[in-house]
Protein backbone atom coordinates (compact mmCIF):
# COMPACT_ATOMS: atom_id res chain seq x y z
CA MET A 1 65.48 -94.41 -34.46
CA GLU A 2 65.52 -92.88 -37.94
CA GLN A 3 67.97 -95.50 -39.19
CA ASN A 4 65.88 -98.32 -37.76
CA SER A 5 62.77 -97.01 -39.47
CA LYS A 6 64.66 -96.86 -42.75
CA ASN A 7 65.82 -100.44 -42.40
CA GLN A 8 62.31 -101.57 -41.49
CA ALA A 9 60.97 -99.84 -44.58
CA ALA A 10 63.54 -101.63 -46.71
CA THR A 11 62.56 -104.93 -45.14
CA ALA A 12 58.91 -104.26 -45.84
CA ALA A 13 59.72 -103.44 -49.43
CA THR A 14 61.66 -106.65 -49.77
CA GLN A 15 58.82 -108.73 -48.40
CA SER A 16 56.29 -107.03 -50.65
CA THR A 17 58.50 -107.83 -53.59
CA THR A 18 59.36 -111.44 -52.94
CA GLY A 19 56.90 -112.66 -50.41
CA ASN A 20 59.61 -114.74 -48.74
CA ASN A 21 63.31 -114.86 -48.14
CA GLN A 22 64.15 -117.30 -50.91
CA THR A 23 65.42 -116.34 -54.32
CA ALA A 24 62.71 -116.91 -56.94
CA PRO A 25 64.48 -118.61 -59.88
CA GLY A 26 61.64 -118.00 -62.36
CA ALA A 27 61.42 -114.31 -61.53
CA LEU A 28 65.19 -113.91 -61.58
CA SER A 29 65.55 -115.67 -64.94
CA THR A 30 63.02 -113.26 -66.46
CA LEU A 31 64.71 -110.23 -64.90
CA VAL A 32 68.21 -110.98 -66.18
CA THR A 33 67.06 -110.87 -69.82
CA VAL A 34 67.33 -107.06 -69.74
CA PHE A 35 70.93 -107.37 -68.57
CA PHE A 36 71.62 -109.25 -71.80
CA PHE A 37 70.17 -106.40 -73.88
CA TRP A 38 72.42 -103.79 -72.25
CA GLY A 39 75.56 -105.73 -73.11
CA PHE A 40 74.40 -106.79 -76.57
CA ILE A 41 73.51 -103.30 -77.78
CA ALA A 42 76.50 -101.53 -76.17
CA ALA A 43 78.99 -104.03 -77.64
CA GLY A 44 77.31 -103.80 -81.04
CA ASN A 45 78.32 -100.13 -81.09
CA GLY A 46 81.89 -101.35 -81.59
CA VAL A 47 80.93 -102.44 -85.10
CA PHE A 48 78.65 -99.46 -85.69
CA ILE A 49 81.29 -96.82 -84.87
CA PRO A 50 83.74 -97.64 -87.72
CA PHE A 51 80.83 -97.83 -90.16
CA CYS A 52 79.63 -94.33 -89.21
CA LYS A 53 83.19 -93.03 -89.31
CA HIS A 54 83.55 -94.10 -92.94
CA TYR A 55 80.02 -93.50 -94.19
CA PHE A 56 79.64 -90.00 -92.75
CA LYS A 57 83.35 -89.15 -93.22
CA LEU A 58 83.95 -88.45 -89.53
CA ASP A 59 87.23 -87.98 -87.69
CA GLN A 60 88.10 -90.16 -84.68
CA PHE A 61 86.67 -87.73 -82.15
CA GLN A 62 83.39 -87.37 -84.06
CA SER A 63 83.00 -91.16 -84.30
CA GLN A 64 83.43 -91.42 -80.53
CA LEU A 65 80.34 -89.25 -80.10
CA ILE A 66 78.39 -92.49 -80.51
CA ASP A 67 79.72 -93.88 -77.23
CA PHE A 68 79.58 -90.43 -75.63
CA ALA A 69 75.88 -90.03 -76.47
CA PHE A 70 75.23 -93.56 -75.22
CA TYR A 71 76.86 -93.11 -71.81
CA LEU A 72 75.69 -89.53 -71.34
CA ALA A 73 72.08 -90.74 -71.65
CA TYR A 74 72.47 -92.79 -68.46
CA TYR A 75 73.33 -89.65 -66.54
CA ILE A 76 70.56 -87.54 -68.07
CA GLY A 77 67.95 -90.30 -67.65
CA ALA A 78 68.72 -90.94 -63.99
CA LEU A 79 68.85 -87.19 -63.33
CA ALA A 80 65.43 -86.72 -64.95
CA LEU A 81 63.95 -89.50 -62.80
CA TYR A 82 65.32 -87.87 -59.69
CA PHE A 83 63.97 -84.42 -60.54
CA THR A 84 60.56 -85.87 -61.42
CA ALA A 85 60.40 -87.69 -58.08
CA SER A 86 61.42 -84.49 -56.29
CA VAL A 87 58.64 -82.48 -57.93
CA LEU A 88 55.96 -85.14 -57.33
CA LYS A 89 57.21 -85.90 -53.80
CA ARG A 90 56.92 -89.58 -54.70
CA ASP A 91 59.47 -92.19 -55.72
CA VAL A 92 58.48 -92.63 -59.37
CA VAL A 93 60.13 -96.02 -59.88
CA ALA A 94 58.70 -97.38 -56.63
CA ARG A 95 55.25 -96.08 -57.52
CA TRP A 96 55.32 -97.60 -61.00
CA GLY A 97 56.86 -100.75 -59.58
CA TYR A 98 60.18 -102.24 -60.63
CA LYS A 99 58.44 -104.53 -63.14
CA ASN A 100 56.50 -101.75 -64.88
CA SER A 101 59.51 -99.44 -64.84
CA ILE A 102 61.49 -102.03 -66.80
CA VAL A 103 58.59 -102.38 -69.26
CA TYR A 104 58.46 -98.59 -69.75
CA GLY A 105 62.23 -98.50 -70.21
CA LEU A 106 62.11 -101.21 -72.88
CA LEU A 107 59.35 -99.39 -74.75
CA PHE A 108 61.32 -96.15 -74.61
CA SER A 109 64.35 -97.99 -76.03
CA ALA A 110 62.08 -99.30 -78.79
CA LEU A 111 61.11 -95.68 -79.51
CA GLY A 112 64.81 -94.88 -79.76
CA ALA A 113 65.18 -97.64 -82.36
CA VAL A 114 62.37 -96.01 -84.35
CA VAL A 115 64.22 -92.67 -84.22
CA MET A 116 67.32 -94.51 -85.45
CA LEU A 117 65.37 -95.89 -88.39
CA LEU A 118 64.07 -92.44 -89.34
CA ALA A 119 67.55 -90.92 -89.04
CA VAL A 120 69.13 -93.70 -91.11
CA ASN A 121 66.59 -93.21 -93.88
CA ALA A 122 67.23 -89.45 -93.73
CA ASN A 123 70.99 -90.06 -93.92
CA ASN A 124 71.38 -87.88 -90.80
CA PHE A 125 74.21 -88.59 -88.31
CA PRO A 126 72.97 -86.22 -85.53
CA GLY A 127 69.60 -87.94 -85.80
CA MET A 128 71.26 -91.33 -85.35
CA LEU A 129 73.01 -90.01 -82.25
CA THR A 130 69.61 -88.88 -80.98
CA GLY A 131 68.22 -92.38 -81.56
CA LEU A 132 71.10 -94.02 -79.69
CA PHE A 133 70.66 -91.48 -76.90
CA ALA A 134 66.97 -92.44 -76.64
CA VAL A 135 67.83 -96.16 -76.58
CA ALA A 136 70.25 -95.54 -73.71
CA LEU A 137 67.69 -93.37 -71.89
CA GLY A 138 65.46 -96.43 -71.81
CA PHE A 139 68.39 -98.44 -70.51
CA SER A 140 68.86 -95.88 -67.74
CA LEU A 141 65.31 -96.44 -66.49
CA GLN A 142 65.73 -100.21 -66.80
CA GLN A 143 68.96 -100.18 -64.78
CA THR A 144 67.51 -97.89 -62.12
CA ALA A 145 64.78 -100.49 -61.55
CA ALA A 146 66.55 -103.76 -62.35
CA ASN A 147 69.53 -103.48 -60.01
CA PRO A 148 67.61 -102.90 -56.74
CA PHE A 149 64.94 -105.33 -58.00
CA ALA A 150 67.57 -108.06 -58.34
CA ALA A 151 68.88 -107.21 -54.88
CA LEU A 152 65.36 -107.61 -53.43
CA LEU A 153 64.48 -110.91 -55.13
CA GLY A 154 65.65 -113.01 -52.21
CA THR A 155 67.80 -112.75 -49.11
CA PRO A 156 70.00 -109.67 -48.56
CA GLU A 157 73.03 -111.96 -48.15
CA THR A 158 72.86 -112.99 -51.82
CA GLY A 159 71.75 -109.65 -53.27
CA ALA A 160 75.16 -108.85 -54.74
CA HIS A 161 75.36 -112.33 -56.25
CA ARG A 162 72.04 -111.90 -58.05
CA ILE A 163 73.26 -108.63 -59.55
CA THR A 164 76.50 -110.42 -60.44
CA LEU A 165 74.49 -113.11 -62.27
CA GLY A 166 72.75 -110.35 -64.22
CA GLY A 167 76.18 -108.94 -64.97
CA GLY A 168 77.30 -112.34 -66.22
CA ILE A 169 74.38 -112.43 -68.64
CA ASN A 170 75.24 -108.85 -69.61
CA SER A 171 78.81 -109.92 -70.38
CA PHE A 172 77.54 -112.82 -72.48
CA GLY A 173 75.58 -110.27 -74.51
CA THR A 174 78.78 -108.21 -74.78
CA ALA A 175 80.66 -111.27 -76.04
CA ILE A 176 78.24 -112.26 -78.78
CA GLY A 177 76.90 -108.78 -79.64
CA PRO A 178 79.70 -107.83 -82.07
CA ILE A 179 79.52 -111.26 -83.75
CA VAL A 180 75.75 -111.15 -84.26
CA VAL A 181 75.87 -107.54 -85.47
CA ALA A 182 78.74 -108.33 -87.85
CA LEU A 183 76.85 -111.35 -89.22
CA ALA A 184 73.69 -109.28 -89.66
CA LEU A 185 75.47 -106.44 -91.44
CA PHE A 186 78.23 -108.21 -93.36
CA GLY A 187 77.26 -111.88 -93.52
CA THR A 188 80.57 -112.77 -91.83
CA THR A 189 82.19 -112.36 -88.41
CA LYS A 190 85.28 -110.75 -89.94
CA ALA A 191 84.16 -107.13 -90.22
CA ASN A 192 87.26 -105.86 -92.03
CA ASP A 193 87.74 -102.34 -93.40
CA ASP A 194 86.69 -103.27 -96.94
CA LEU A 195 83.37 -104.71 -95.74
CA ILE A 196 82.72 -101.75 -93.45
CA ASN A 197 83.46 -99.31 -96.27
CA SER A 198 81.13 -101.10 -98.66
CA LEU A 199 78.20 -101.26 -96.23
CA GLY A 200 75.09 -99.27 -97.11
CA LEU A 201 72.36 -97.92 -94.85
CA GLY A 202 69.84 -100.57 -95.93
CA LYS A 203 71.22 -103.27 -93.65
CA VAL A 204 71.52 -100.84 -90.77
CA THR A 205 67.79 -100.17 -91.19
CA ILE A 206 67.04 -103.89 -91.00
CA LEU A 207 69.27 -104.28 -87.95
CA TYR A 208 67.56 -101.59 -85.92
CA ALA A 209 64.12 -102.70 -87.03
CA CYS A 210 64.96 -106.09 -85.53
CA VAL A 211 66.39 -104.45 -82.39
CA GLY A 212 63.21 -102.43 -81.94
CA MET A 213 61.09 -105.57 -82.28
CA LEU A 214 63.25 -107.34 -79.68
CA PHE A 215 62.69 -104.48 -77.23
CA ILE A 216 58.93 -104.74 -77.73
CA MET A 217 58.99 -108.53 -77.32
CA ALA A 218 61.01 -108.19 -74.11
CA ALA A 219 58.55 -105.62 -72.79
CA GLY A 220 55.74 -108.07 -73.50
CA LEU A 221 57.63 -110.85 -71.73
CA PHE A 222 57.94 -108.71 -68.61
CA PHE A 223 54.41 -107.34 -68.72
CA PHE A 224 52.72 -110.72 -69.03
CA SER A 225 55.11 -112.65 -66.76
CA LYS A 226 53.26 -114.06 -63.75
CA LYS A 227 56.50 -115.24 -62.14
CA LEU A 228 57.84 -111.72 -61.77
CA PRO A 229 56.36 -109.72 -58.85
CA THR A 230 55.41 -106.09 -59.41
CA GLY A 231 58.03 -104.71 -57.03
CA LYS A 232 55.58 -101.87 -56.37
CA PHE A 233 55.33 -99.96 -53.12
CA GLU A 234 54.21 -96.47 -52.20
CA THR A 235 56.79 -94.30 -50.54
CA GLU A 236 57.30 -90.58 -50.17
CA THR A 237 60.50 -89.10 -51.49
CA GLU A 238 62.42 -87.22 -48.86
CA ASN A 239 62.75 -83.53 -49.64
CA SER A 240 66.26 -82.93 -50.98
CA PRO A 241 66.68 -79.33 -52.19
CA LYS A 242 70.40 -79.32 -51.41
CA ALA A 243 71.02 -82.43 -53.52
CA ILE A 244 68.96 -80.90 -56.34
CA ALA A 245 71.01 -77.70 -56.19
CA ALA A 246 74.33 -79.58 -56.15
CA LEU A 247 73.38 -81.77 -59.13
CA LEU A 248 71.92 -78.85 -61.09
CA ILE A 249 75.08 -76.80 -60.59
CA MET A 250 77.22 -79.80 -61.55
CA THR A 251 75.15 -80.38 -64.69
CA VAL A 252 75.31 -76.74 -65.77
CA LEU A 253 79.08 -76.69 -65.24
CA LEU A 254 79.49 -79.94 -67.19
CA ILE A 255 77.50 -78.47 -70.08
CA ALA A 256 79.75 -75.42 -70.00
CA VAL A 257 82.77 -77.73 -70.12
CA PHE A 258 81.51 -79.92 -72.96
CA ILE A 259 80.46 -77.05 -75.25
CA PRO A 260 84.06 -76.04 -76.14
CA VAL A 261 85.00 -79.73 -76.45
CA PHE A 262 82.31 -80.27 -79.09
CA GLN A 263 82.89 -76.95 -80.79
CA SER A 264 86.55 -77.87 -81.32
CA TYR A 265 85.71 -80.81 -83.58
CA THR A 266 84.03 -78.51 -86.13
CA ILE A 267 87.37 -76.82 -86.88
CA GLU A 268 88.73 -78.14 -90.16
CA THR A 269 92.47 -77.68 -90.61
CA THR A 270 95.60 -79.63 -91.49
CA ASP A 271 97.91 -77.29 -89.58
CA LYS A 272 99.71 -79.50 -87.07
CA SER A 273 100.21 -76.73 -84.51
CA ILE A 274 96.51 -75.86 -84.59
CA LEU A 275 95.54 -79.52 -84.23
CA GLU A 276 97.87 -79.90 -81.23
CA ALA A 277 96.36 -76.81 -79.64
CA ILE A 278 92.87 -78.25 -80.14
CA GLU A 279 93.88 -81.55 -78.51
CA THR A 280 95.42 -79.70 -75.56
CA THR A 281 92.24 -77.66 -75.13
CA ARG A 282 90.08 -80.79 -75.18
CA PHE A 283 92.27 -82.40 -72.53
CA LYS A 284 92.07 -79.37 -70.23
CA TRP A 285 88.29 -79.24 -70.51
CA LEU A 286 87.99 -82.99 -69.81
CA ILE A 287 90.13 -82.55 -66.68
CA ALA A 288 87.88 -79.67 -65.67
CA GLY A 289 84.87 -81.99 -66.05
CA LEU A 290 86.53 -84.55 -63.79
CA VAL A 291 87.30 -81.90 -61.16
CA ILE A 292 83.69 -80.67 -61.27
CA ILE A 293 82.26 -84.15 -60.66
CA VAL A 294 84.69 -85.16 -57.91
CA GLY A 295 84.49 -81.72 -56.29
CA THR A 296 80.68 -81.74 -56.24
CA LEU A 297 80.54 -85.18 -54.62
CA LEU A 298 83.15 -84.35 -51.97
CA PHE A 299 81.46 -81.04 -51.20
CA SER A 300 78.12 -82.85 -50.85
CA LEU A 301 79.67 -85.44 -48.56
CA LEU A 302 81.18 -82.84 -46.21
CA SER A 303 78.09 -80.61 -46.23
CA ALA A 304 75.70 -83.50 -45.53
CA LYS A 305 77.92 -84.61 -42.67
CA GLN A 306 77.57 -81.21 -41.01
CA ASN A 307 73.82 -80.92 -41.67
CA PRO A 308 72.03 -83.91 -43.32
CA LYS A 309 68.70 -82.10 -43.68
CA GLY A 310 67.77 -81.42 -47.30
CA TRP A 311 70.24 -83.86 -48.86
CA GLY A 312 67.85 -86.80 -49.35
CA ALA A 313 69.69 -90.03 -50.13
CA MET A 314 72.93 -88.09 -50.43
CA LYS A 315 72.99 -87.62 -46.67
CA TYR A 316 74.24 -91.22 -46.49
CA PRO A 317 78.04 -91.18 -46.85
CA GLN A 318 78.06 -94.75 -48.24
CA LEU A 319 75.95 -93.55 -51.18
CA VAL A 320 78.00 -90.44 -52.01
CA LEU A 321 81.28 -92.35 -51.82
CA GLY A 322 79.59 -95.14 -53.81
CA MET A 323 78.62 -92.65 -56.52
CA LEU A 324 82.28 -91.75 -56.90
CA ALA A 325 83.14 -95.48 -56.83
CA ILE A 326 80.68 -96.28 -59.65
CA PHE A 327 82.05 -93.33 -61.64
CA THR A 328 85.60 -94.63 -61.13
CA TYR A 329 84.72 -98.27 -61.77
CA VAL A 330 82.87 -97.63 -65.06
CA GLY A 331 85.66 -95.29 -66.13
CA VAL A 332 88.47 -97.77 -65.48
CA GLU A 333 86.56 -100.70 -66.99
CA VAL A 334 85.97 -98.83 -70.25
CA SER A 335 89.36 -97.09 -70.26
CA ILE A 336 91.46 -100.27 -70.04
CA GLN A 337 89.77 -101.63 -73.15
CA SER A 338 89.47 -98.38 -75.09
CA ASN A 339 93.21 -97.79 -75.04
CA MET A 340 94.30 -101.41 -75.32
CA GLY A 341 94.05 -101.56 -79.11
CA GLU A 342 96.59 -98.77 -79.49
CA LEU A 343 98.83 -100.32 -76.81
CA LEU A 344 98.99 -103.69 -78.57
CA LYS A 345 100.04 -102.01 -81.82
CA GLN A 346 103.31 -100.96 -80.16
CA PRO A 347 106.39 -103.10 -81.02
CA LEU A 348 107.05 -103.90 -77.33
CA PHE A 349 103.57 -105.42 -77.08
CA GLY A 350 103.64 -107.49 -80.25
CA GLY A 351 103.05 -104.88 -82.93
CA TYR A 352 99.62 -106.32 -83.73
CA THR A 353 97.44 -105.01 -86.54
CA SER A 354 93.86 -103.84 -85.93
CA SER A 355 92.41 -107.22 -86.90
CA GLN A 356 94.92 -109.11 -84.72
CA VAL A 357 93.93 -107.05 -81.67
CA ALA A 358 90.32 -108.34 -81.80
CA PRO A 359 90.81 -111.55 -79.74
CA PHE A 360 92.53 -109.63 -76.95
CA ILE A 361 89.68 -107.11 -76.74
CA SER A 362 87.24 -110.02 -76.77
CA MET A 363 89.12 -111.72 -73.95
CA TYR A 364 89.02 -108.52 -71.91
CA TRP A 365 85.23 -108.38 -72.11
CA GLY A 366 85.14 -112.14 -71.70
CA SER A 367 87.10 -111.73 -68.47
CA LEU A 368 84.17 -109.77 -67.07
CA MET A 369 81.89 -112.68 -67.97
CA ILE A 370 84.26 -115.19 -66.38
CA GLY A 371 84.29 -113.29 -63.09
CA ARG A 372 80.56 -112.65 -63.06
CA TRP A 373 79.64 -116.26 -63.78
CA THR A 374 81.90 -117.32 -60.93
CA GLY A 375 80.60 -114.62 -58.59
CA SER A 376 76.98 -115.73 -59.06
CA ILE A 377 77.50 -119.30 -57.86
CA LYS A 378 76.18 -118.65 -54.36
CA ILE A 379 72.64 -117.76 -55.44
CA PHE A 380 72.12 -121.41 -56.43
CA GLU A 381 72.90 -122.40 -52.82
CA PRO A 382 75.30 -125.28 -53.49
CA SER A 383 76.87 -127.25 -50.65
CA GLN A 384 80.26 -126.04 -49.49
CA THR A 385 82.04 -128.93 -51.21
CA LEU A 386 80.21 -128.35 -54.49
CA LYS A 387 80.76 -124.62 -54.22
CA ASN A 388 84.53 -125.07 -53.84
CA THR A 389 84.52 -127.28 -56.91
CA LEU A 390 82.46 -124.82 -58.92
CA LEU A 391 84.82 -121.97 -58.05
CA LEU A 392 87.39 -123.81 -60.16
CA VAL A 393 85.13 -125.36 -62.79
CA VAL A 394 82.91 -122.37 -63.65
CA PRO A 395 85.74 -119.96 -64.60
CA LEU A 396 87.34 -122.68 -66.72
CA VAL A 397 84.04 -123.33 -68.52
CA ALA A 398 83.56 -119.58 -69.03
CA PHE A 399 87.12 -119.32 -70.37
CA ILE A 400 86.39 -122.08 -72.87
CA VAL A 401 83.21 -120.26 -73.91
CA VAL A 402 85.19 -117.07 -74.58
CA LEU A 403 87.74 -119.03 -76.61
CA GLY A 404 84.89 -120.69 -78.50
CA VAL A 405 83.30 -117.34 -79.34
CA ASN A 406 86.63 -116.16 -80.70
CA ALA A 407 87.06 -119.35 -82.69
CA ILE A 408 83.63 -118.80 -84.25
CA ALA A 409 84.71 -115.26 -85.06
CA GLN A 410 87.78 -116.77 -86.81
CA ASN A 411 90.20 -115.05 -84.44
CA ASN A 412 93.60 -116.51 -83.56
CA ILE A 413 93.18 -117.78 -79.98
CA THR A 414 96.67 -119.27 -79.54
CA PRO A 415 98.09 -116.18 -77.74
CA LEU A 416 95.29 -116.44 -75.17
CA TYR A 417 96.02 -119.91 -73.80
CA GLY A 418 98.47 -118.74 -71.13
CA TYR A 419 95.87 -116.34 -69.74
CA ILE A 420 94.46 -119.25 -67.77
CA ALA A 421 97.06 -118.43 -65.08
CA CYS A 422 95.34 -115.09 -64.41
CA ILE A 423 91.98 -116.86 -64.20
CA MET A 424 93.35 -119.16 -61.50
CA VAL A 425 94.50 -116.11 -59.53
CA GLN A 426 90.96 -114.77 -59.72
CA ALA A 427 89.57 -118.12 -58.52
CA LEU A 428 91.83 -117.87 -55.44
CA ALA A 429 90.60 -114.30 -54.92
CA PHE A 430 87.01 -115.57 -54.79
CA TYR A 431 88.03 -118.10 -52.12
CA ALA A 432 89.65 -115.30 -50.11
CA GLY A 433 86.64 -113.02 -50.53
CA GLN A 434 84.28 -115.53 -48.85
CA ASP A 435 81.20 -114.04 -50.58
CA LYS A 436 81.49 -110.79 -48.59
CA PRO A 437 80.99 -107.71 -50.80
CA ALA A 438 83.31 -105.31 -48.94
CA ARG A 439 86.07 -107.87 -48.51
CA THR A 440 85.80 -109.13 -52.09
CA LEU A 441 85.81 -105.58 -53.46
CA LEU A 442 88.97 -104.79 -51.48
CA ILE A 443 90.79 -107.91 -52.69
CA PHE A 444 89.79 -107.40 -56.31
CA SER A 445 90.71 -103.69 -56.21
CA ILE A 446 94.17 -104.49 -54.85
CA LEU A 447 94.67 -107.20 -57.47
CA GLY A 448 93.44 -104.83 -60.18
CA ALA A 449 95.96 -102.18 -59.13
CA LEU A 450 98.69 -104.82 -58.93
CA GLY A 451 97.83 -106.05 -62.42
CA MET A 452 98.05 -102.53 -63.81
CA LEU A 453 101.44 -101.96 -62.11
CA ILE A 454 102.81 -105.22 -63.52
CA GLY A 455 101.59 -104.14 -66.93
CA ILE A 456 103.25 -100.72 -66.60
CA PHE A 457 106.62 -102.08 -65.48
CA THR A 458 106.80 -104.95 -67.98
CA THR A 459 106.19 -105.47 -71.69
CA GLY A 460 105.19 -108.28 -74.04
CA THR A 461 102.93 -111.16 -73.07
CA ILE A 462 103.22 -110.65 -69.31
CA ALA A 463 102.15 -107.02 -69.57
CA THR A 464 99.35 -107.90 -72.00
CA TYR A 465 97.95 -110.52 -69.63
CA ALA A 466 98.31 -108.10 -66.70
CA PHE A 467 96.25 -105.44 -68.46
CA LEU A 468 93.69 -108.02 -69.61
CA SER A 469 93.30 -109.15 -66.00
CA GLY A 470 91.72 -105.78 -65.30
CA GLY A 471 88.55 -107.31 -66.75
CA LEU A 472 88.71 -110.20 -64.28
CA PHE A 473 89.03 -107.86 -61.32
CA CYS A 474 86.43 -105.35 -62.54
CA SER A 475 83.91 -108.17 -62.98
CA ILE A 476 82.29 -108.11 -59.52
CA MET A 477 82.74 -104.44 -58.75
CA TRP A 478 79.39 -103.13 -59.98
CA PRO A 479 77.25 -105.40 -57.74
CA ALA A 480 79.59 -105.05 -54.77
CA ILE A 481 79.63 -101.26 -54.97
CA PHE A 482 75.90 -101.12 -55.64
CA VAL A 483 74.74 -103.17 -52.65
CA LEU A 484 77.22 -101.49 -50.31
CA SER A 485 76.10 -98.05 -51.48
CA ILE A 486 72.33 -98.60 -51.08
CA ALA A 487 72.60 -100.56 -47.82
CA GLY A 488 70.50 -98.94 -45.10
CA LEU A 489 68.87 -96.36 -47.41
CA GLY A 490 65.35 -97.72 -46.84
CA ASN A 491 62.78 -95.42 -48.51
CA SER A 492 65.61 -93.64 -50.29
CA THR A 493 66.79 -96.80 -52.07
CA SER A 494 65.31 -95.97 -55.49
CA GLN A 495 66.59 -92.40 -55.26
CA GLY A 496 70.02 -93.71 -54.34
CA SER A 497 69.86 -96.15 -57.24
CA ALA A 498 69.18 -93.29 -59.64
CA PHE A 499 72.18 -91.39 -58.25
CA LEU A 500 74.40 -94.43 -58.83
CA ILE A 501 73.16 -94.88 -62.41
CA MET A 502 74.05 -91.23 -63.08
CA MET A 503 77.67 -92.03 -62.37
CA ILE A 504 77.94 -94.33 -65.40
CA LEU A 505 79.07 -90.98 -66.77
CA GLY A 506 82.57 -92.11 -65.76
CA GLY A 507 82.66 -94.09 -69.01
CA ALA A 508 82.51 -90.82 -70.94
CA ILE A 509 85.14 -88.94 -68.89
CA ILE A 510 88.01 -91.20 -67.78
CA PRO A 511 88.79 -93.04 -71.08
CA PRO A 512 89.37 -89.87 -73.13
CA ILE A 513 91.51 -88.44 -70.32
CA GLN A 514 93.77 -91.49 -70.54
CA GLY A 515 93.72 -91.21 -74.33
CA LYS A 516 94.81 -87.58 -74.22
CA LEU A 517 97.60 -88.43 -71.75
CA ALA A 518 98.79 -91.07 -74.22
CA ASP A 519 99.19 -88.35 -76.86
CA ILE A 520 101.73 -86.50 -74.71
CA PRO A 521 105.23 -87.50 -76.00
CA GLY A 522 106.76 -87.74 -72.54
CA ILE A 523 104.03 -90.13 -71.34
CA GLY A 524 102.80 -92.28 -74.23
CA ILE A 525 100.19 -95.03 -74.35
CA HIS A 526 102.05 -97.38 -71.98
CA ASN A 527 102.50 -94.96 -69.10
CA SER A 528 98.98 -93.59 -69.59
CA TYR A 529 97.81 -96.69 -67.72
CA TRP A 530 98.81 -95.00 -64.45
CA VAL A 531 95.28 -93.58 -64.66
CA THR A 532 93.91 -97.08 -64.09
CA VAL A 533 96.17 -97.61 -61.06
CA PHE A 534 94.72 -94.53 -59.37
CA CYS A 535 91.19 -95.70 -60.17
CA PHE A 536 91.73 -99.11 -58.56
CA ALA A 537 93.41 -97.42 -55.58
CA TYR A 538 90.29 -95.36 -54.89
CA LEU A 539 88.09 -98.45 -55.17
CA ALA A 540 90.24 -100.16 -52.54
CA LEU A 541 89.88 -97.13 -50.25
CA PHE A 542 86.11 -97.19 -50.78
CA ALA A 543 85.96 -100.88 -49.81
CA VAL A 544 87.76 -100.14 -46.54
CA GLY A 545 85.89 -96.93 -45.77
CA VAL A 546 82.35 -98.11 -46.55
CA LYS A 547 82.74 -101.10 -44.26
CA GLY A 548 83.37 -98.81 -41.29
CA ILE A 549 80.57 -96.42 -42.33
CA LEU A 550 78.03 -99.24 -42.47
CA ARG A 551 79.13 -100.65 -39.14
CA LYS A 552 78.37 -97.31 -37.51
CA GLN A 553 74.85 -97.64 -38.96
CA GLY A 554 74.46 -101.17 -37.57
CA ILE A 555 75.11 -102.98 -40.86
CA ASP A 556 77.98 -105.47 -40.88
CA TYR A 557 78.59 -107.20 -44.19
CA ASP A 558 81.32 -109.34 -42.66
CA SER A 559 78.92 -111.07 -40.30
CA LYS A 560 75.34 -110.90 -41.52
CA ILE A 561 74.11 -108.51 -44.18
CA GLY A 562 71.38 -106.26 -42.96
CA SER A 563 71.93 -106.91 -39.25
CA HIS A 564 71.15 -103.91 -37.09
């Protein structure tokens, strides 16, 4: 009876949001604009990091604090939303409405841009980190609202596809973000070391002034849009003291772990033995952070199974396992790319220079766009014949777009032509997935693991393409994991969404673990990619396990989503 009431509440929320069971194109087109911002700003950091490294005379670890602050904000923001809702006994995002929550998030990101401007003018790197942290805090609120909002803007059967479409727009922002930022800062797409080293803070000020204005304009677009429903509904937040305790303990332990990691970068020495000891210490503390997160989630899962009272949304096993899946997915997606530049510099992989690596990194992120564009076809409700045609045409068009972006950026695209074979494999995977989230996630996870294994056991072009294919197979994982994790949560959907957003923290944990493994002489950068194999293996296990969990709750994604 409790599960039925939850599903009925979710249905009521859906109807109050859309008013019917059809996807609203106008509303959806407005919503996906925020997905573009997330990709555009995050990818722009790739240009911003080397500038800060030179200008503020940072080491490599210090420069990576930019990405760390960015991803950490997602966790802190979602955690703050959850605690606020727990204190008020009301779902904050649901009470504000999905539309207003996105507006508030955009305005908060605009405030972060203002902080960035003040810090830039003060020539203060910690202040700039604070500004980026605030921008990402706004993104955290936007994502908490936008993902379930997209899932509710139409039929449950196409919820994952609408999120995938948003992801495709996000990937387009990722593809053009570095180019636009480079043009704005340097007047050219070729942001080489000399240009980066000669850049002053004046142009950075102009850039973030423009970014802040864009956030405000987007907030206005959402606020005054008549096509976009409010997505507002009143619902009480289930009391969850056990979940609060688990997350508080996890947060305190993570802080305790990160303090020595950050303290270690303040040590200035050229002694090789001391530097090696520092790197070993950082690695051990990062592993401790991973153990804390995984251990907390598994403990919560087992405890909630014995006594679900007091766990709130975390009493649903699909959500807890989905939190670990989001953590793993974000980690592997970022980790493949973060370590690829160093891999391609090795003689067995072409011995490329830093500038020659650029098109491969671009194709990796472009692979996410290719998969997401293809995965969103169903929301346009084409006939079966047209759909089969589009499953071949859309990835090819997206591939051409990625090549075009690289051509504009003056990158050598010749080594990328053969990658079309991997794209055809992905097209076949979409046919096999049959638009079913659990099945598609399983197929793509297996192919992702297979790609990583091929990359590990080969070298040269084949291995490069195999590692690049990780982007193709990561492309649909966020929406698939998200809709499977929040299925059947009913009134706890927004709370569950916040929990999932917290786990973007994986992007700050898994990549440096792989990087530290690569520094070990007996392992090296090539074999460090075993980390990605284990990540894809867990995602495959999640796809199998969540399907059975949902069936026990009367939800069968292989027949009709939401049936009960």
